């Protein structure tokens, strides 16, 4: 089964947008998802600071800045 991870931080308006798309797609497809605050880890903050929100599918980077609903659905359907 696939798993989606949203990397973001509080106060990020793009993260709010990404959260809505991911929640909708995950709900429609029955895919679990989680959100991780990049401020919880120095490594995450250094790696993703300028890219948030970042979407991972099965631990692999899928999107950053904006989440394409169509692209996310396609990745989870394969």
Protein backbone atom coordinates (compact mmCIF):
# COMPACT_ATOMS: atom_id res chain seq x y z
CA UNK A 1 0.00 0.00 0.00
CA UNK A 2 1.18 3.53 -0.77
CA UNK A 3 1.80 6.22 1.84
CA UNK A 4 1.89 10.00 1.40
CA UNK A 5 4.02 12.30 3.53
CA UNK A 6 3.63 16.07 3.50
CA UNK A 7 6.70 18.00 4.65
CA UNK A 8 5.85 21.52 5.71
CA UNK A 9 5.78 23.96 8.60
CA UNK A 10 3.23 26.04 10.49
CA UNK A 11 2.20 29.30 8.84
CA UNK A 12 2.97 28.10 5.30
CA UNK A 13 0.02 28.98 3.05
CA UNK A 14 1.22 26.66 0.28
CA UNK A 15 1.29 23.87 2.88
CA UNK A 16 -2.36 24.60 3.65
CA UNK A 17 -3.19 24.24 -0.06
CA UNK A 18 -1.17 21.02 -0.33
CA UNK A 19 -2.87 19.60 2.76
CA UNK A 20 -6.30 20.07 1.16
CA UNK A 21 -5.28 18.33 -2.07
CA UNK A 22 -3.55 15.46 -0.27
CA UNK A 23 -6.44 14.99 2.14
CA UNK A 24 -8.93 14.82 -0.73
CA UNK A 25 -6.86 12.39 -2.84
CA UNK A 26 -5.90 10.19 0.11
CA UNK A 27 -9.51 10.05 1.24
CA UNK A 28 -10.79 9.16 -2.22
CA UNK A 29 -8.19 6.42 -2.71
CA UNK A 30 -7.99 5.14 0.87
CA UNK A 31 -4.28 5.96 1.13
CA UNK A 32 -2.81 6.83 4.54
CA UNK A 33 -0.93 10.10 4.89
CA UNK A 34 0.99 12.02 7.50
CA UNK A 35 2.36 15.50 7.92
CA UNK A 36 5.87 16.20 9.20
CA UNK A 37 7.05 19.62 10.38
CA UNK A 38 10.48 20.28 8.85
CA UNK A 39 11.39 22.23 11.99
CA UNK A 40 11.34 18.92 13.89
CA UNK A 41 14.67 17.95 12.34
CA UNK A 42 17.76 19.96 11.42
CA UNK A 43 18.31 17.60 8.48
CA UNK A 44 14.79 18.13 7.10
CA UNK A 45 15.01 21.88 7.60
CA UNK A 46 18.33 22.13 5.75
CA UNK A 47 17.24 19.86 2.91
CA UNK A 48 13.72 21.18 2.28
CA UNK A 49 13.61 24.76 3.64
CA UNK A 50 13.23 26.44 0.23
CA UNK A 51 11.02 23.72 -1.26
CA UNK A 52 8.09 23.38 1.15
CA UNK A 53 5.59 22.00 0.90
CA UNK A 54 7.21 18.78 -0.29
CA UNK A 55 5.14 15.70 -1.04
CA UNK A 56 6.68 12.25 -0.68
CA UNK A 57 5.06 9.10 -2.01
CA UNK A 58 6.42 5.98 -0.36
CA UNK A 59 9.35 8.03 0.97
CA UNK A 60 10.38 9.37 -2.45
CA UNK A 61 10.03 13.04 -3.35
CA UNK A 62 7.06 13.49 -5.64
CA UNK A 63 6.28 17.24 -5.73
CA UNK A 64 7.34 20.51 -4.13
CA UNK A 65 5.79 24.00 -3.81
CA UNK A 66 2.49 22.89 -5.35
CA UNK A 67 0.74 19.53 -5.39
CA UNK A 68 -0.79 18.45 -8.68
CA UNK A 69 -3.91 16.48 -7.85
CA UNK A 70 -3.86 14.66 -11.19
CA UNK A 71 -0.17 13.75 -10.87
CA UNK A 72 -0.64 12.54 -7.28
CA UNK A 73 -3.62 10.39 -8.25
CA UNK A 74 -1.64 8.88 -11.13
CA UNK A 75 1.31 8.06 -8.86
CA UNK A 76 -0.95 6.35 -6.35
CA UNK A 77 -2.88 4.39 -8.98
CA UNK A 78 0.21 2.73 -10.43
